[in-house]
Amino acid sequence: MTFLAQFRVPGERVTAYLFMDLRGTRSWLPEGGQNALLLQPSGRIPAFLTTAPLRTGPVLRDAAGRTVCHEARLTPSARDVSSAQHMGGHPTWLQGDEAPERWTFLLQLDSGQLPGAVVGFGDAGIGYAFIDPDRREGRFLWQSG
């Protein structure tokens, strides 16, 4: 998977790291093995993911081949009026509620608002991140418009 972005979990000393398989056909499913939201330092690797020790892994690159790393600077409940991005509050679903039951909504990303990157959340897609009740696992899914 390719590292896309990192986000501080509001009110906690936890950072969420977002990964996505950008090769070929992409899955929107939160447990399909092509999207991952990993929490550190106290998180665990979800059972549906397979990991391998690598010194460095694939990173998101722009058209010129430069590394693109996004760190969300959204404040809790702040909403960028030019996009569908926001942290905290409630998700704005494109196709209907698909939140994991009893999980906390962390943020949503507008794929058109990741400068210099073609991420591919489908056609005009939105990505949604959630954290489980014990704050040790994350899930990421996306919907297209």
C-alpha atoms as a PDB file:
ATOM      1  CA  MET A   1       0.000   0.000   0.000  1.00  0.00           C
ATOM      2  CA  THR A   2       0.998   3.590  -0.533  1.00  0.00           C
ATOM      3  CA  PHE A   3       1.259   6.045   2.348  1.00  0.00           C
ATOM      4  CA  LEU A   4      -1.194   8.898   1.692  1.00  0.00           C
ATOM      5  CA  ALA A   5      -1.496  11.064   4.777  1.00  0.00           C
ATOM      6  CA  GLN A   6      -1.291  11.370   8.535  1.00  0.00           C
ATOM      7  CA  PHE A   7      -3.644  13.007  11.028  1.00  0.00           C
ATOM      8  CA  ARG A   8      -3.571  13.784  14.739  1.00  0.00           C
ATOM      9  CA  VAL A   9      -6.550  12.290  16.579  1.00  0.00           C
ATOM     10  CA  PRO A  10      -8.159  15.237  18.391  1.00  0.00           C
ATOM     11  CA  GLY A  11      -7.819  15.150  22.164  1.00  0.00           C
ATOM     12  CA  GLU A  12      -5.409  12.210  22.155  1.00  0.00           C
ATOM     13  CA  ARG A  13      -1.720  11.533  21.704  1.00  0.00           C
ATOM     14  CA  VAL A  14      -2.412   9.324  18.725  1.00  0.00           C
ATOM     15  CA  THR A  15      -1.565   9.774  15.066  1.00  0.00           C
ATOM     16  CA  ALA A  16      -3.559   8.050  12.340  1.00  0.00           C
ATOM     17  CA  TYR A  17      -1.649   6.982   9.210  1.00  0.00           C
ATOM     18  CA  LEU A  18      -3.648   6.446   6.019  1.00  0.00           C
ATOM     19  CA  PHE A  19      -2.586   3.914   3.376  1.00  0.00           C
ATOM     20  CA  MET A  20      -4.252   2.806   0.139  1.00  0.00           C
ATOM     21  CA  ASP A  21      -3.423   0.310  -2.586  1.00  0.00           C
ATOM     22  CA  LEU A  22      -3.206   2.503  -5.693  1.00  0.00           C
ATOM     23  CA  ARG A  23      -2.491  -0.303  -8.160  1.00  0.00           C
ATOM     24  CA  GLY A  24      -5.174  -1.519 -10.546  1.00  0.00           C
ATOM     25  CA  THR A  25      -8.753  -1.850  -9.395  1.00  0.00           C
ATOM     26  CA  ARG A  26      -9.309  -0.240  -6.007  1.00  0.00           C
ATOM     27  CA  SER A  27     -11.722  -1.401  -3.346  1.00  0.00           C
ATOM     28  CA  TRP A  28     -13.829   1.010  -1.304  1.00  0.00           C
ATOM     29  CA  LEU A  29     -14.374  -1.593   1.421  1.00  0.00           C
ATOM     30  CA  PRO A  30     -12.971  -0.752   4.863  1.00  0.00           C
ATOM     31  CA  GLU A  31     -11.840  -4.364   5.463  1.00  0.00           C
ATOM     32  CA  GLY A  32     -11.063  -5.370   1.879  1.00  0.00           C
ATOM     33  CA  GLY A  33      -7.294  -5.162   2.411  1.00  0.00           C
ATOM     34  CA  GLN A  34      -6.746  -2.215   0.063  1.00  0.00           C
ATOM     35  CA  ASN A  35      -7.338   0.618   2.553  1.00  0.00           C
ATOM     36  CA  ALA A  36      -5.769   0.970   5.984  1.00  0.00           C
ATOM     37  CA  LEU A  37      -5.913   3.514   8.784  1.00  0.00           C
ATOM     38  CA  LEU A  38      -3.264   2.611  11.354  1.00  0.00           C
ATOM     39  CA  LEU A  39      -3.072   4.254  14.780  1.00  0.00           C
ATOM     40  CA  GLN A  40       0.183   4.857  16.623  1.00  0.00           C
ATOM     41  CA  PRO A  41       1.716   4.585  19.150  1.00  0.00           C
ATOM     42  CA  SER A  42      -0.864   2.328  20.819  1.00  0.00           C
ATOM     43  CA  GLY A  43      -2.623   0.823  17.815  1.00  0.00           C
ATOM     44  CA  ARG A  44      -2.740  -2.698  16.476  1.00  0.00           C
ATOM     45  CA  ILE A  45      -2.657  -4.108  12.956  1.00  0.00           C
ATOM     46  CA  PRO A  46      -6.162  -5.237  11.925  1.00  0.00           C
ATOM     47  CA  ALA A  47      -6.528  -8.960  11.223  1.00  0.00           C
ATOM     48  CA  PHE A  48      -7.521  -8.369   7.567  1.00  0.00           C
ATOM     49  CA  LEU A  49      -4.122  -6.780   6.757  1.00  0.00           C
ATOM     50  CA  THR A  50      -0.909  -8.583   5.912  1.00  0.00           C
ATOM     51  CA  THR A  51       2.288  -6.737   6.792  1.00  0.00           C
ATOM     52  CA  ALA A  52       5.914  -7.136   5.812  1.00  0.00           C
ATOM     53  CA  PRO A  53       9.000  -5.452   7.269  1.00  0.00           C
ATOM     54  CA  LEU A  54      10.274  -2.781   4.868  1.00  0.00           C
ATOM     55  CA  ARG A  55      12.833  -0.080   5.465  1.00  0.00           C
ATOM     56  CA  THR A  56      10.766   2.275   3.314  1.00  0.00           C
ATOM     57  CA  GLY A  57       7.570   1.755   1.394  1.00  0.00           C
ATOM     58  CA  PRO A  58       5.736   3.323  -1.500  1.00  0.00           C
ATOM     59  CA  VAL A  59       4.734   6.959  -1.069  1.00  0.00           C
ATOM     60  CA  LEU A  60       2.383   9.172  -2.997  1.00  0.00           C
ATOM     61  CA  ARG A  61       4.082  11.064  -5.817  1.00  0.00           C
ATOM     62  CA  ASP A  62       2.898  13.914  -8.016  1.00  0.00           C
ATOM     63  CA  ALA A  63       3.142  14.024 -11.828  1.00  0.00           C
ATOM     64  CA  ALA A  64       6.755  15.254 -11.578  1.00  0.00           C
ATOM     65  CA  GLY A  65       7.728  12.308  -9.357  1.00  0.00           C
ATOM     66  CA  ARG A  66       8.054  14.365  -6.151  1.00  0.00           C
ATOM     67  CA  THR A  67       6.924  12.821  -2.879  1.00  0.00           C
ATOM     68  CA  VAL A  68       3.594  14.175  -1.688  1.00  0.00           C
ATOM     69  CA  CYS A  69       2.760  13.725   1.995  1.00  0.00           C
ATOM     70  CA  HIS A  70      -0.365  15.259   3.419  1.00  0.00           C
ATOM     71  CA  GLU A  71      -0.782  16.139   7.059  1.00  0.00           C
ATOM     72  CA  ALA A  72      -4.271  17.303   7.818  1.00  0.00           C
ATOM     73  CA  ARG A  73      -4.328  20.640   9.543  1.00  0.00           C
ATOM     74  CA  LEU A  74      -8.071  20.639  10.017  1.00  0.00           C
ATOM     75  CA  THR A  75      -9.217  21.486  13.500  1.00  0.00           C
ATOM     76  CA  PRO A  76     -11.954  19.429  15.120  1.00  0.00           C
ATOM     77  CA  SER A  77     -15.352  20.255  13.618  1.00  0.00           C
ATOM     78  CA  ALA A  78     -13.757  22.763  11.231  1.00  0.00           C
ATOM     79  CA  ARG A  79     -15.032  22.559   7.700  1.00  0.00           C
ATOM     80  CA  ASP A  80     -13.287  23.848   4.597  1.00  0.00           C
ATOM     81  CA  VAL A  81     -16.057  25.686   2.761  1.00  0.00           C
ATOM     82  CA  SER A  82     -14.380  24.961  -0.594  1.00  0.00           C
ATOM     83  CA  SER A  83     -14.514  21.188  -0.121  1.00  0.00           C
ATOM     84  CA  ALA A  84     -16.192  18.326   1.675  1.00  0.00           C
ATOM     85  CA  GLN A  85     -13.233  17.882   4.040  1.00  0.00           C
ATOM     86  CA  HIS A  86     -13.695  18.082   7.770  1.00  0.00           C
ATOM     87  CA  MET A  87     -12.595  16.490  11.026  1.00  0.00           C
ATOM     88  CA  GLY A  88     -15.021  15.469  13.736  1.00  0.00           C
ATOM     89  CA  GLY A  89     -18.717  16.071  13.729  1.00  0.00           C
ATOM     90  CA  HIS A  90     -20.610  13.831  11.317  1.00  0.00           C
ATOM     91  CA  PRO A  91     -19.777  12.425   7.883  1.00  0.00           C
ATOM     92  CA  THR A  92     -21.505  13.799   4.812  1.00  0.00           C
ATOM     93  CA  TRP A  93     -22.285  10.601   2.917  1.00  0.00           C
ATOM     94  CA  LEU A  94     -22.390  10.519  -0.867  1.00  0.00           C
ATOM     95  CA  GLN A  95     -24.232   7.190  -1.117  1.00  0.00           C
ATOM     96  CA  GLY A  96     -25.624   6.408   2.317  1.00  0.00           C
ATOM     97  CA  ASP A  97     -24.356   5.631   5.805  1.00  0.00           C
ATOM     98  CA  GLU A  98     -21.660   2.951   5.873  1.00  0.00           C
ATOM     99  CA  ALA A  99     -20.118   3.770   9.248  1.00  0.00           C
ATOM    100  CA  PRO A 100     -18.830   0.797  11.223  1.00  0.00           C
ATOM    101  CA  GLU A 101     -21.255   0.242  14.108  1.00  0.00           C
ATOM    102  CA  ARG A 102     -20.219   1.989  17.367  1.00  0.00           C
ATOM    103  CA  TRP A 103     -17.058   3.467  15.794  1.00  0.00           C
ATOM    104  CA  THR A 104     -16.114   7.147  16.117  1.00  0.00           C
ATOM    105  CA  PHE A 105     -16.004   9.286  12.986  1.00  0.00           C
ATOM    106  CA  LEU A 106     -12.554  10.908  12.643  1.00  0.00           C
ATOM    107  CA  LEU A 107     -12.580  12.767   9.343  1.00  0.00           C
ATOM    108  CA  GLN A 108     -13.524  12.835   5.715  1.00  0.00           C
ATOM    109  CA  LEU A 109     -11.281  13.701   2.778  1.00  0.00           C
ATOM    110  CA  ASP A 110     -12.267  15.178  -0.548  1.00  0.00           C
ATOM    111  CA  SER A 111     -10.022  13.481  -3.134  1.00  0.00           C
ATOM    112  CA  GLY A 112     -10.008  16.720  -5.147  1.00  0.00           C
ATOM    113  CA  GLN A 113      -8.438  18.568  -2.208  1.00  0.00           C
ATOM    114  CA  LEU A 114      -5.192  16.576  -1.983  1.00  0.00           C
ATOM    115  CA  PRO A 115      -2.831  18.948  -3.835  1.00  0.00           C
ATOM    116  CA  GLY A 116      -0.642  17.393  -6.505  1.00  0.00           C
ATOM    117  CA  ALA A 117      -2.016  13.900  -6.023  1.00  0.00           C
ATOM    118  CA  VAL A 118      -4.372  11.645  -7.901  1.00  0.00           C
ATOM    119  CA  VAL A 119      -5.735   9.413  -5.169  1.00  0.00           C
ATOM    120  CA  GLY A 120      -8.741   7.803  -6.768  1.00  0.00           C
ATOM    121  CA  PHE A 121     -11.719   7.621  -4.409  1.00  0.00           C
ATOM    122  CA  GLY A 122     -13.779   6.888  -7.506  1.00  0.00           C
ATOM    123  CA  ASP A 123     -15.477   9.663  -9.477  1.00  0.00           C
ATOM    124  CA  ALA A 124     -15.432  12.856  -7.333  1.00  0.00           C
ATOM    125  CA  GLY A 125     -15.037  10.647  -4.282  1.00  0.00           C
ATOM    126  CA  ILE A 126     -14.957  11.210  -0.565  1.00  0.00           C
ATOM    127  CA  GLY A 127     -12.961   9.113   1.907  1.00  0.00           C
ATOM    128  CA  TYR A 128     -14.140   8.456   5.469  1.00  0.00           C
ATOM    129  CA  ALA A 129     -11.992   7.513   8.485  1.00  0.00           C
ATOM    130  CA  PHE A 130     -13.232   5.901  11.709  1.00  0.00           C
ATOM    131  CA  ILE A 131     -11.686   4.755  15.007  1.00  0.00           C
ATOM    132  CA  ASP A 132     -12.902   1.771  17.028  1.00  0.00           C
ATOM    133  CA  PRO A 133     -14.280   2.181  20.564  1.00  0.00           C
ATOM    134  CA  ASP A 134     -11.024   1.108  22.274  1.00  0.00           C
ATOM    135  CA  ARG A 135      -8.996   3.571  20.131  1.00  0.00           C
ATOM    136  CA  ARG A 136      -6.610   0.883  18.834  1.00  0.00           C
ATOM    137  CA  GLU A 137      -7.818   0.286  15.257  1.00  0.00           C
ATOM    138  CA  GLY A 138      -8.941   2.463  12.402  1.00  0.00           C
ATOM    139  CA  ARG A 139     -10.950   1.910   9.226  1.00  0.00           C
ATOM    140  CA  PHE A 140     -11.039   3.846   5.997  1.00  0.00           C
ATOM    141  CA  LEU A 141     -13.606   3.571   3.209  1.00  0.00           C
ATOM    142  CA  TRP A 142     -14.620   5.743   0.293  1.00  0.00           C
ATOM    143  CA  GLN A 143     -17.615   6.494  -1.839  1.00  0.00           C
ATOM    144  CA  SER A 144     -17.814   8.047  -5.287  1.00  0.00           C
ATOM    145  CA  GLY A 145     -20.249  10.643  -6.547  1.00  0.00           C
END
